[in-house]
Amino acid sequence: MVKIYTDTNVLRYFGIAFADSSLPEDLQDQLLLSPLSVMELFSQLGTDGAQEAFAALKAFPRVHNPKASGMLPWSDDLFRIALFNQPPGEDVITPALNNALIRALNAEKPDDLRTDAVELRGLLDASKNE
């Protein structure tokens, strides 16, 4: 079966579409997440769109396989693997995103995560400018 990559906007749409329902398991296994898209979603908790971003994060266990979501490699590793046939570096992004998602799932409202989200937004903007 074909894998489907979801960007940040799709993640936000999933938050609306799956607020009270779940995607069938066989489809959950076909979805791939980009670390950058997930980071963008977290950073949106520090904006006026925080409620929609929060709903999208809360929908993750109903949309993506909670036991093994399909996380794409960070872009640096993708280039190492695809272009230079080198092994990926140490994965520090995925564990950090997992921890952030656990915090989001345990949060009661977007404001509980706002301070961290504003800081992440600054880091994300700086890394995009590089």
N, C-alpha and C. Protein backbone atom coordinates (compact mmCIF):
# COMPACT_ATOMS: atom_id res chain seq x y z
N MET A 1 0.83 -1.18 0.00
CA MET A 1 0.00 0.00 0.00
C MET A 1 0.89 1.25 0.00
N VAL A 2 0.42 2.29 -0.58
CA VAL A 2 1.16 3.54 -0.70
C VAL A 2 1.17 4.28 0.64
N LYS A 3 2.29 4.88 0.97
CA LYS A 3 2.39 5.72 2.17
C LYS A 3 1.98 7.14 1.82
N ILE A 4 1.37 7.82 2.76
CA ILE A 4 0.87 9.18 2.54
C ILE A 4 1.58 10.13 3.49
N TYR A 5 2.20 11.15 2.93
CA TYR A 5 2.89 12.17 3.71
C TYR A 5 1.89 13.28 4.03
N THR A 6 1.85 13.71 5.26
CA THR A 6 0.95 14.78 5.66
C THR A 6 1.75 16.02 6.06
N ASP A 7 1.32 17.16 5.56
CA ASP A 7 1.97 18.41 5.94
C ASP A 7 1.21 19.05 7.11
N THR A 8 1.65 20.21 7.54
CA THR A 8 1.08 20.86 8.72
C THR A 8 -0.40 21.18 8.53
N ASN A 9 -0.79 21.66 7.36
CA ASN A 9 -2.20 21.98 7.13
C ASN A 9 -3.07 20.73 7.24
N VAL A 10 -2.62 19.63 6.68
CA VAL A 10 -3.39 18.39 6.76
C VAL A 10 -3.52 17.95 8.22
N LEU A 11 -2.45 18.09 8.99
CA LEU A 11 -2.52 17.73 10.40
C LEU A 11 -3.59 18.55 11.11
N ARG A 12 -3.68 19.83 10.77
CA ARG A 12 -4.72 20.68 11.37
C ARG A 12 -6.11 20.24 10.91
N TYR A 13 -6.28 19.87 9.65
CA TYR A 13 -7.57 19.38 9.17
C TYR A 13 -7.95 18.08 9.89
N PHE A 14 -6.98 17.23 10.14
CA PHE A 14 -7.24 15.99 10.87
C PHE A 14 -7.77 16.29 12.27
N GLY A 15 -7.27 17.36 12.88
CA GLY A 15 -7.74 17.73 14.21
C GLY A 15 -9.23 18.02 14.23
N ILE A 16 -9.73 18.57 13.15
CA ILE A 16 -11.17 18.85 13.03
C ILE A 16 -11.91 17.57 12.67
N ALA A 17 -11.44 16.88 11.64
CA ALA A 17 -12.14 15.71 11.12
C ALA A 17 -12.19 14.56 12.13
N PHE A 18 -11.16 14.42 12.97
CA PHE A 18 -11.10 13.29 13.89
C PHE A 18 -11.13 13.73 15.35
N ALA A 19 -11.89 14.79 15.60
CA ALA A 19 -12.04 15.27 16.97
C ALA A 19 -12.75 14.22 17.84
N ASP A 20 -13.70 13.51 17.25
CA ASP A 20 -14.49 12.53 18.01
C ASP A 20 -14.51 11.14 17.39
N SER A 21 -13.70 10.92 16.38
CA SER A 21 -13.66 9.61 15.72
C SER A 21 -12.22 9.26 15.40
N SER A 22 -12.01 8.03 14.97
CA SER A 22 -10.65 7.57 14.65
C SER A 22 -10.57 7.10 13.21
N LEU A 23 -9.42 7.28 12.65
CA LEU A 23 -9.11 6.74 11.33
C LEU A 23 -8.92 5.23 11.49
N PRO A 24 -9.41 4.42 10.58
CA PRO A 24 -9.20 2.96 10.70
C PRO A 24 -7.70 2.62 10.80
N GLU A 25 -7.40 1.61 11.58
CA GLU A 25 -6.01 1.24 11.85
C GLU A 25 -5.20 0.97 10.59
N ASP A 26 -5.80 0.32 9.60
CA ASP A 26 -5.04 0.00 8.39
C ASP A 26 -4.62 1.27 7.66
N LEU A 27 -5.38 2.34 7.80
CA LEU A 27 -5.00 3.62 7.20
C LEU A 27 -4.01 4.38 8.07
N GLN A 28 -4.13 4.25 9.38
CA GLN A 28 -3.19 4.91 10.29
C GLN A 28 -1.76 4.50 9.97
N ASP A 29 -1.57 3.24 9.64
CA ASP A 29 -0.23 2.73 9.35
C ASP A 29 0.34 3.28 8.05
N GLN A 30 -0.49 3.88 7.20
CA GLN A 30 -0.03 4.37 5.91
C GLN A 30 0.37 5.85 5.96
N LEU A 31 0.13 6.52 7.07
CA LEU A 31 0.44 7.95 7.16
C LEU A 31 1.86 8.18 7.65
N LEU A 32 2.52 9.11 7.01
CA LEU A 32 3.88 9.50 7.41
C LEU A 32 3.86 10.93 7.94
N LEU A 33 4.69 11.17 8.92
CA LEU A 33 4.81 12.50 9.52
C LEU A 33 6.18 13.08 9.20
N SER A 34 6.19 14.34 8.88
CA SER A 34 7.45 15.06 8.71
C SER A 34 7.79 15.71 10.04
N PRO A 35 9.02 15.54 10.52
CA PRO A 35 9.39 16.19 11.78
C PRO A 35 9.20 17.71 11.72
N LEU A 36 9.48 18.29 10.58
CA LEU A 36 9.31 19.73 10.43
C LEU A 36 7.84 20.13 10.55
N SER A 37 6.94 19.36 9.97
CA SER A 37 5.51 19.65 10.07
C SER A 37 5.03 19.54 11.51
N VAL A 38 5.51 18.53 12.22
CA VAL A 38 5.12 18.36 13.62
C VAL A 38 5.67 19.53 14.45
N MET A 39 6.90 19.93 14.18
CA MET A 39 7.47 21.08 14.89
C MET A 39 6.68 22.35 14.60
N GLU A 40 6.28 22.53 13.34
CA GLU A 40 5.48 23.70 12.99
C GLU A 40 4.15 23.69 13.74
N LEU A 41 3.55 22.52 13.84
CA LEU A 41 2.29 22.41 14.56
C LEU A 41 2.47 22.79 16.03
N PHE A 42 3.53 22.28 16.66
CA PHE A 42 3.81 22.65 18.05
C PHE A 42 4.06 24.15 18.18
N SER A 43 4.78 24.72 17.24
CA SER A 43 5.10 26.15 17.33
C SER A 43 3.84 27.01 17.18
N GLN A 44 2.81 26.48 16.50
CA GLN A 44 1.56 27.22 16.34
C GLN A 44 0.78 27.34 17.64
N LEU A 45 1.18 26.59 18.66
CA LEU A 45 0.57 26.75 19.97
C LEU A 45 0.90 28.11 20.58
N GLY A 46 1.88 28.78 20.02
CA GLY A 46 2.26 30.11 20.48
C GLY A 46 1.70 31.22 19.61
N THR A 47 0.67 30.92 18.82
CA THR A 47 0.07 31.90 17.91
C THR A 47 -1.43 32.01 18.18
N ASP A 48 -2.08 32.84 17.36
CA ASP A 48 -3.54 32.97 17.46
C ASP A 48 -4.26 31.69 17.04
N GLY A 49 -3.59 30.81 16.32
CA GLY A 49 -4.18 29.54 15.89
C GLY A 49 -3.93 28.40 16.86
N ALA A 50 -3.65 28.74 18.12
CA ALA A 50 -3.28 27.73 19.11
C ALA A 50 -4.36 26.68 19.32
N GLN A 51 -5.61 27.07 19.34
CA GLN A 51 -6.69 26.11 19.61
C GLN A 51 -6.76 25.04 18.52
N GLU A 52 -6.61 25.45 17.26
CA GLU A 52 -6.65 24.49 16.16
C GLU A 52 -5.43 23.57 16.17
N ALA A 53 -4.27 24.14 16.48
CA ALA A 53 -3.06 23.32 16.58
C ALA A 53 -3.18 22.33 17.73
N PHE A 54 -3.75 22.78 18.85
CA PHE A 54 -3.94 21.91 20.01
C PHE A 54 -4.89 20.76 19.67
N ALA A 55 -5.97 21.06 18.95
CA ALA A 55 -6.92 20.02 18.54
C ALA A 55 -6.23 19.00 17.63
N ALA A 56 -5.37 19.48 16.76
CA ALA A 56 -4.63 18.57 15.86
C ALA A 56 -3.72 17.65 16.66
N LEU A 57 -3.04 18.18 17.66
CA LEU A 57 -2.15 17.35 18.48
C LEU A 57 -2.96 16.34 19.29
N LYS A 58 -4.08 16.76 19.81
CA LYS A 58 -4.93 15.86 20.58
C LYS A 58 -5.49 14.72 19.71
N ALA A 59 -5.62 14.96 18.41
CA ALA A 59 -6.15 13.94 17.49
C ALA A 59 -5.09 12.93 17.06
N PHE A 60 -3.83 13.17 17.33
CA PHE A 60 -2.76 12.27 16.88
C PHE A 60 -3.04 10.79 17.18
N PRO A 61 -3.42 10.42 18.42
CA PRO A 61 -3.64 8.99 18.69
C PRO A 61 -4.83 8.40 17.94
N ARG A 62 -5.72 9.24 17.44
CA ARG A 62 -6.88 8.76 16.68
C ARG A 62 -6.61 8.73 15.18
N VAL A 63 -5.51 9.35 14.76
CA VAL A 63 -5.18 9.45 13.33
C VAL A 63 -3.94 8.64 12.96
N HIS A 64 -2.94 8.68 13.80
CA HIS A 64 -1.67 7.99 13.55
C HIS A 64 -1.54 6.80 14.48
N ASN A 65 -0.83 5.79 14.03
CA ASN A 65 -0.61 4.60 14.84
C ASN A 65 0.09 5.00 16.13
N PRO A 66 -0.58 4.89 17.29
CA PRO A 66 0.03 5.33 18.54
C PRO A 66 1.21 4.47 18.99
N LYS A 67 1.32 3.26 18.43
CA LYS A 67 2.43 2.37 18.81
C LYS A 67 3.66 2.60 17.96
N ALA A 68 3.47 3.07 16.73
CA ALA A 68 4.60 3.26 15.82
C ALA A 68 4.20 4.20 14.68
N SER A 69 4.20 5.48 14.95
CA SER A 69 3.86 6.41 13.87
C SER A 69 5.00 6.44 12.85
N GLY A 70 4.67 6.72 11.63
CA GLY A 70 5.66 6.75 10.56
C GLY A 70 6.32 8.12 10.48
N MET A 71 7.39 8.30 11.22
CA MET A 71 8.10 9.58 11.23
C MET A 71 9.22 9.54 10.19
N LEU A 72 9.17 10.46 9.27
CA LEU A 72 10.24 10.58 8.28
C LEU A 72 11.52 11.05 8.97
N PRO A 73 12.67 10.79 8.37
CA PRO A 73 13.92 11.28 8.97
C PRO A 73 14.02 12.79 8.82
N TRP A 74 14.79 13.40 9.71
CA TRP A 74 15.10 14.83 9.62
C TRP A 74 15.79 15.07 8.28
N SER A 75 15.64 16.25 7.72
CA SER A 75 16.14 16.51 6.37
C SER A 75 17.64 16.23 6.22
N ASP A 76 18.44 16.54 7.23
CA ASP A 76 19.88 16.24 7.16
C ASP A 76 20.12 14.75 6.95
N ASP A 77 19.38 13.94 7.72
CA ASP A 77 19.53 12.48 7.59
C ASP A 77 18.98 11.98 6.27
N LEU A 78 17.91 12.58 5.81
CA LEU A 78 17.35 12.18 4.52
C LEU A 78 18.39 12.37 3.41
N PHE A 79 19.09 13.50 3.44
CA PHE A 79 20.13 13.74 2.43
C PHE A 79 21.29 12.76 2.60
N ARG A 80 21.68 12.49 3.84
CA ARG A 80 22.77 11.53 4.09
C ARG A 80 22.43 10.17 3.52
N ILE A 81 21.18 9.73 3.75
CA ILE A 81 20.75 8.40 3.33
C ILE A 81 20.55 8.36 1.81
N ALA A 82 19.74 9.28 1.29
CA ALA A 82 19.32 9.21 -0.12
C ALA A 82 20.42 9.62 -1.09
N LEU A 83 21.17 10.65 -0.76
CA LEU A 83 22.14 11.17 -1.72
C LEU A 83 23.53 10.58 -1.56
N PHE A 84 23.92 10.33 -0.32
CA PHE A 84 25.30 9.91 -0.07
C PHE A 84 25.43 8.48 0.43
N ASN A 85 24.29 7.77 0.54
CA ASN A 85 24.29 6.38 0.98
C ASN A 85 25.04 6.19 2.30
N GLN A 86 24.87 7.15 3.19
CA GLN A 86 25.50 7.11 4.51
C GLN A 86 24.44 6.79 5.56
N PRO A 87 24.85 6.22 6.68
CA PRO A 87 23.86 5.94 7.74
C PRO A 87 23.40 7.26 8.38
N PRO A 88 22.20 7.27 8.92
CA PRO A 88 21.72 8.49 9.59
C PRO A 88 22.53 8.77 10.84
N GLY A 89 22.52 10.04 11.25
CA GLY A 89 23.17 10.41 12.50
C GLY A 89 22.29 10.01 13.67
N GLU A 90 22.71 10.33 14.87
CA GLU A 90 21.92 10.03 16.06
C GLU A 90 20.60 10.79 15.99
N ASP A 91 19.51 10.10 16.23
CA ASP A 91 18.18 10.71 16.16
C ASP A 91 17.85 11.39 17.49
N VAL A 92 17.95 12.70 17.51
CA VAL A 92 17.58 13.46 18.70
C VAL A 92 16.23 14.15 18.49
N ILE A 93 15.79 14.27 17.25
CA ILE A 93 14.54 14.95 16.94
C ILE A 93 13.33 14.11 17.35
N THR A 94 13.28 12.85 16.95
CA THR A 94 12.11 12.02 17.22
C THR A 94 11.83 11.88 18.72
N PRO A 95 12.82 11.58 19.56
CA PRO A 95 12.53 11.51 21.00
C PRO A 95 12.03 12.85 21.56
N ALA A 96 12.59 13.95 21.09
CA ALA A 96 12.13 15.26 21.56
C ALA A 96 10.69 15.52 21.14
N LEU A 97 10.33 15.16 19.90
CA LEU A 97 8.96 15.33 19.45
C LEU A 97 8.01 14.40 20.20
N ASN A 98 8.45 13.19 20.49
CA ASN A 98 7.62 12.27 21.28
C ASN A 98 7.34 12.85 22.66
N ASN A 99 8.36 13.40 23.31
CA ASN A 99 8.17 14.00 24.63
C ASN A 99 7.23 15.19 24.56
N ALA A 100 7.38 16.00 23.54
CA ALA A 100 6.50 17.16 23.38
C ALA A 100 5.06 16.71 23.15
N LEU A 101 4.88 15.65 22.37
CA LEU A 101 3.53 15.15 22.12
C LEU A 101 2.91 14.60 23.40
N ILE A 102 3.67 13.91 24.19
CA ILE A 102 3.16 13.39 25.48
C ILE A 102 2.71 14.56 26.35
N ARG A 103 3.51 15.62 26.40
CA ARG A 103 3.11 16.81 27.17
C ARG A 103 1.83 17.41 26.63
N ALA A 104 1.71 17.47 25.30
CA ALA A 104 0.50 18.05 24.69
C ALA A 104 -0.72 17.18 24.99
N LEU A 105 -0.56 15.87 24.91
CA LEU A 105 -1.69 14.98 25.18
C LEU A 105 -2.14 15.05 26.63
N ASN A 106 -1.23 15.37 27.52
CA ASN A 106 -1.55 15.49 28.94
C ASN A 106 -2.01 16.89 29.33
N ALA A 107 -1.85 17.85 28.44
CA ALA A 107 -2.26 19.23 28.73
C ALA A 107 -3.78 19.36 28.61
N GLU A 108 -4.32 20.27 29.38
CA GLU A 108 -5.76 20.49 29.34
C GLU A 108 -6.15 21.58 28.35
N LYS A 109 -5.23 22.51 28.10
CA LYS A 109 -5.54 23.62 27.19
C LYS A 109 -4.25 24.10 26.53
N PRO A 110 -4.37 24.77 25.39
CA PRO A 110 -3.18 25.22 24.67
C PRO A 110 -2.29 26.16 25.49
N ASP A 111 -2.89 26.95 26.36
CA ASP A 111 -2.10 27.89 27.16
C ASP A 111 -1.09 27.18 28.06
N ASP A 112 -1.36 25.92 28.40
CA ASP A 112 -0.42 25.14 29.22
C ASP A 112 0.92 24.95 28.51
N LEU A 113 0.92 25.09 27.20
CA LEU A 113 2.12 24.83 26.39
C LEU A 113 2.64 26.08 25.69
N ARG A 114 2.02 27.21 25.92
CA ARG A 114 2.31 28.44 25.17
C ARG A 114 3.76 28.90 25.29
N THR A 115 4.30 28.93 26.47
CA THR A 115 5.67 29.43 26.67
C THR A 115 6.67 28.61 25.86
N ASP A 116 6.56 27.29 25.95
CA ASP A 116 7.46 26.43 25.18
C ASP A 116 7.24 26.60 23.68
N ALA A 117 5.98 26.79 23.28
CA ALA A 117 5.66 26.94 21.86
C ALA A 117 6.26 28.22 21.29
N VAL A 118 6.22 29.30 22.05
CA VAL A 118 6.79 30.56 21.58
C VAL A 118 8.30 30.40 21.40
N GLU A 119 8.94 29.72 22.34
CA GLU A 119 10.39 29.47 22.23
C GLU A 119 10.69 28.59 21.02
N LEU A 120 9.90 27.54 20.82
CA LEU A 120 10.10 26.66 19.67
C LEU A 120 9.90 27.41 18.37
N ARG A 121 8.91 28.30 18.34
CA ARG A 121 8.66 29.09 17.13
C ARG A 121 9.91 29.91 16.76
N GLY A 122 10.55 30.50 17.75
CA GLY A 122 11.76 31.26 17.50
C GLY A 122 12.87 30.39 16.96
N LEU A 123 13.05 29.20 17.54
CA LEU A 123 14.07 28.26 17.07
C LEU A 123 13.77 27.78 15.66
N LEU A 124 12.50 27.50 15.40
CA LEU A 124 12.09 27.02 14.08
C LEU A 124 12.32 28.08 13.03
N ASP A 125 11.96 29.33 13.33
CA ASP A 125 12.18 30.42 12.39
C ASP A 125 13.67 30.61 12.12
N ALA A 126 14.48 30.52 13.16
CA ALA A 126 15.93 30.69 13.00
C ALA A 126 16.51 29.56 12.13
N SER A 127 16.04 28.33 12.34
CA SER A 127 16.57 27.21 11.55
C SER A 127 16.12 27.29 10.10
N LYS A 128 14.91 27.80 9.87
CA LYS A 128 14.45 27.98 8.47
C LYS A 128 15.28 29.04 7.76
N ASN A 129 15.69 30.06 8.48
CA ASN A 129 16.49 31.12 7.88
C ASN A 129 17.90 30.66 7.53
N GLU A 130 18.39 29.62 8.21
CA GLU A 130 19.71 29.09 7.89
C GLU A 130 19.69 28.50 6.51
